[in-house]
Amino acid sequence: MSLARLLNLPTEIRALIFEHVVTEDQLVTFRLEPFQEDYYTSATQPALTRVSRQIRFESLPFWYECNNFVLHTEGRKADDGRKWLLCNAHHLDCVKRFSFWIRYVPLVNQRASSQGAISVSIYRQTKHACWLIDPHWLWITVVRKPVELAGDAKFLMEKLASIAPALSNDDALPDDYFGAMRDLRLYYVQEKTS
């Protein structure tokens, strides 16, 4: 089948095809370690967007709208997330869902800090709408959930609710999102260590 047949389909049918082809469970904006590649997908634009200009024009908005982009909040992975935000600055207004991974900080045993992360998310119903806080959070690891984790997640969602309005402006820049990542992590560490 030639590319011309795809382009001859009605726009609505092509839209359904593009939405199906470019949608993943979640896309991480940081470099993956070799062992993570079996579980996560990197947030690189799909090959479909390189087929032709018309297909790129029609399919790329679906990639940003239909996927959950994960931003890690610390270290090299946060720097990778910032680079991703800068490279995709012209499309940030199309993104409808971001998840922030915040490394868990234990109450007592500081060695356990690298054993998991809490994921909290923001989403919006339509392009240019205000960011909303997803009431569901995730524990990112195979290690058992610590007892106080629900309280930590609640704290993070409350802080995210105070940060999100600044991101809801149409002129929010990549550094605004990076600042939100940094602040969210900072508030959490301060709360756990004070």
Protein backbone atom coordinates (compact mmCIF):
# COMPACT_ATOMS: atom_id res chain seq x y z
CA MET A 1 0.00 0.00 0.00
CA SER A 2 1.40 3.38 -0.90
CA LEU A 3 1.46 6.48 1.26
CA ALA A 4 -0.99 8.09 -1.15
CA ARG A 5 -3.74 5.68 -0.02
CA LEU A 6 -3.35 6.80 3.58
CA LEU A 7 -3.56 10.44 2.54
CA ASN A 8 -6.69 9.71 0.49
CA LEU A 9 -8.58 8.54 3.58
CA PRO A 10 -10.99 11.03 5.17
CA THR A 11 -9.36 13.33 7.73
CA GLU A 12 -11.38 11.81 10.59
CA ILE A 13 -10.16 8.28 9.76
CA ARG A 14 -6.54 9.46 9.50
CA ALA A 15 -6.92 11.19 12.86
CA LEU A 16 -8.07 7.93 14.48
CA ILE A 17 -5.17 6.05 12.90
CA PHE A 18 -2.61 8.64 14.03
CA GLU A 19 -4.03 8.74 17.55
CA HIS A 20 -3.80 4.95 17.82
CA VAL A 21 -0.28 4.72 16.37
CA VAL A 22 1.39 7.45 18.46
CA THR A 23 -0.17 6.74 21.87
CA GLU A 24 1.97 5.06 24.56
CA ASP A 25 1.26 4.38 28.25
CA GLN A 26 3.86 6.90 29.36
CA LEU A 27 6.95 8.50 27.89
CA VAL A 28 9.97 9.40 29.99
CA THR A 29 11.87 12.58 29.21
CA PHE A 30 15.17 11.34 30.62
CA ARG A 31 17.80 8.93 29.36
CA LEU A 32 17.00 5.37 30.24
CA GLU A 33 19.41 2.94 31.83
CA PRO A 34 19.73 -0.31 29.84
CA PHE A 35 17.62 -2.26 32.36
CA GLN A 36 14.83 0.37 32.15
CA GLU A 37 14.42 0.07 28.39
CA ASP A 38 12.26 -3.04 28.83
CA TYR A 39 9.78 -1.11 30.99
CA TYR A 40 9.72 2.47 29.74
CA THR A 41 9.63 4.30 26.42
CA SER A 42 11.74 7.36 25.71
CA ALA A 43 9.92 10.56 24.75
CA THR A 44 11.27 10.85 21.23
CA GLN A 45 8.92 11.79 18.43
CA PRO A 46 7.68 8.66 16.64
CA ALA A 47 9.00 7.57 13.26
CA LEU A 48 5.59 8.27 11.73
CA THR A 49 6.29 11.99 12.11
CA ARG A 50 9.22 11.65 9.70
CA VAL A 51 7.28 10.08 6.81
CA SER A 52 6.15 13.29 5.14
CA ARG A 53 5.41 16.89 6.03
CA GLN A 54 1.67 16.37 5.82
CA ILE A 55 1.72 13.30 8.04
CA ARG A 56 4.00 15.08 10.52
CA PHE A 57 1.66 18.08 10.56
CA GLU A 58 -1.37 15.84 11.18
CA SER A 59 0.12 13.26 13.58
CA LEU A 60 2.48 15.24 15.82
CA PRO A 61 -0.28 17.06 17.76
CA PHE A 62 -1.76 13.66 18.69
CA TRP A 63 1.60 12.54 20.08
CA TYR A 64 1.69 15.51 22.45
CA GLU A 65 -2.01 15.38 23.33
CA CYS A 66 -2.42 11.63 23.91
CA ASN A 67 0.68 10.78 25.93
CA ASN A 68 1.75 11.15 29.54
CA PHE A 69 5.21 12.73 29.71
CA VAL A 70 7.25 11.86 32.80
CA LEU A 71 9.56 14.48 34.30
CA HIS A 72 11.99 13.25 36.97
CA THR A 73 12.69 15.91 39.59
CA GLU A 74 16.30 15.38 40.57
CA GLY A 75 19.83 15.02 39.33
CA ARG A 76 20.83 14.17 35.79
CA LYS A 77 17.35 12.93 34.97
CA ALA A 78 15.89 16.34 35.85
CA ASP A 79 18.50 17.95 33.59
CA ASP A 80 17.44 15.59 30.80
CA GLY A 81 13.83 16.62 31.42
CA ARG A 82 14.79 20.28 31.15
CA LYS A 83 16.54 19.62 27.83
CA TRP A 84 13.43 17.79 26.60
CA LEU A 85 11.24 20.73 27.64
CA LEU A 86 13.54 23.18 25.82
CA CYS A 87 13.61 21.05 22.65
CA ASN A 88 9.81 20.73 22.68
CA ALA A 89 9.04 24.30 23.77
CA HIS A 90 6.90 25.05 20.72
CA HIS A 91 4.62 22.11 21.50
CA LEU A 92 4.20 22.40 25.28
CA ASP A 93 0.80 24.02 24.83
CA CYS A 94 -0.37 20.77 23.16
CA VAL A 95 0.66 18.51 26.05
CA LYS A 96 -2.30 17.39 28.14
CA ARG A 97 -0.53 15.35 30.84
CA PHE A 98 2.73 15.52 32.79
CA SER A 99 3.75 13.21 35.61
CA PHE A 100 6.42 14.24 38.10
CA TRP A 101 8.54 11.53 39.68
CA ILE A 102 9.84 12.58 43.09
CA ARG A 103 12.32 10.29 44.80
CA TYR A 104 10.94 9.09 48.12
CA VAL A 105 12.60 10.54 51.24
CA PRO A 106 12.24 8.26 54.28
CA LEU A 107 11.56 9.58 57.77
CA VAL A 108 14.43 7.73 59.46
CA ASN A 109 16.72 5.66 57.26
CA GLN A 110 18.40 8.00 54.77
CA ARG A 111 19.92 5.02 52.91
CA ALA A 112 16.45 4.02 51.73
CA SER A 113 16.00 7.25 49.76
CA SER A 114 16.86 5.62 46.44
CA GLN A 115 14.39 2.76 46.78
CA GLY A 116 11.41 4.33 45.09
CA ALA A 117 9.64 7.38 43.76
CA ILE A 118 6.20 8.91 44.03
CA SER A 119 4.47 9.94 40.82
CA VAL A 120 2.00 12.83 40.92
CA SER A 121 0.40 14.23 37.77
CA ILE A 122 -1.20 17.28 36.23
CA TYR A 123 -3.57 17.13 33.30
CA ARG A 124 -5.86 19.35 31.27
CA GLN A 125 -8.98 18.50 29.34
CA THR A 126 -8.23 20.65 26.30
CA LYS A 127 -5.37 22.61 24.82
CA HIS A 128 -4.85 25.90 26.69
CA ALA A 129 -7.07 24.80 29.61
CA CYS A 130 -5.90 25.17 33.21
CA TRP A 131 -3.82 22.37 34.66
CA LEU A 132 -5.67 20.14 37.11
CA ILE A 133 -4.21 17.79 39.72
CA ASP A 134 -4.81 14.09 39.14
CA PRO A 135 -6.12 12.72 42.47
CA HIS A 136 -4.37 9.41 41.85
CA TRP A 137 -0.69 8.91 42.60
CA LEU A 138 1.66 6.00 41.92
CA TRP A 139 4.50 4.32 43.77
CA ILE A 140 7.28 3.77 41.21
CA THR A 141 9.22 0.71 42.35
CA VAL A 142 8.84 -2.95 43.21
CA VAL A 143 9.73 -2.30 46.86
CA ARG A 144 6.88 -2.34 49.40
CA LYS A 145 5.13 0.98 50.02
CA PRO A 146 6.29 2.78 53.17
CA VAL A 147 3.56 3.42 55.76
CA GLU A 148 3.69 7.22 55.47
CA LEU A 149 3.61 7.23 51.65
CA ALA A 150 -0.04 8.29 51.31
CA GLY A 151 0.67 11.35 53.46
CA ASP A 152 3.70 12.19 51.33
CA ALA A 153 1.63 11.89 48.15
CA LYS A 154 -1.07 14.13 49.63
CA PHE A 155 1.55 16.74 50.55
CA LEU A 156 3.03 16.62 47.02
CA MET A 157 -0.38 16.99 45.38
CA GLU A 158 -1.18 20.00 47.59
CA LYS A 159 2.13 21.64 46.64
CA LEU A 160 1.55 20.80 42.99
CA ALA A 161 -1.89 22.44 43.24
CA SER A 162 -0.19 25.66 44.41
CA ILE A 163 2.39 25.49 41.59
CA ALA A 164 0.11 24.48 38.69
CA PRO A 165 -1.68 27.82 38.15
CA ALA A 166 1.60 29.44 37.03
CA LEU A 167 1.92 26.72 34.38
CA SER A 168 -1.63 27.28 33.13
CA ASN A 169 -0.69 30.54 31.42
CA ASP A 170 -0.42 30.24 27.65
CA ASP A 171 3.01 31.82 27.88
CA ALA A 172 4.47 29.23 30.32
CA LEU A 173 8.03 28.48 29.23
CA PRO A 174 10.17 25.35 29.61
CA ASP A 175 11.97 26.96 32.54
CA ASP A 176 8.60 27.47 34.27
CA TYR A 177 8.02 23.71 34.09
CA PHE A 178 11.58 23.03 35.20
CA GLY A 179 11.10 25.44 38.11
CA ALA A 180 7.95 23.56 39.10
CA MET A 181 9.93 20.30 39.06
CA ARG A 182 12.67 21.82 41.20
CA ASP A 183 10.28 23.48 43.64
CA LEU A 184 8.20 20.35 44.08
CA ARG A 185 11.29 18.34 45.00
CA LEU A 186 12.60 21.11 47.29
CA TYR A 187 9.30 21.46 49.18
CA TYR A 188 9.15 17.70 49.68
CA VAL A 189 12.73 17.38 50.96
CA GLN A 190 12.23 20.35 53.31
CA GLU A 191 9.01 18.83 54.64
CA LYS A 192 10.62 15.44 55.27
CA THR A 193 13.82 16.76 56.85
CA SER A 194 12.35 19.49 59.07
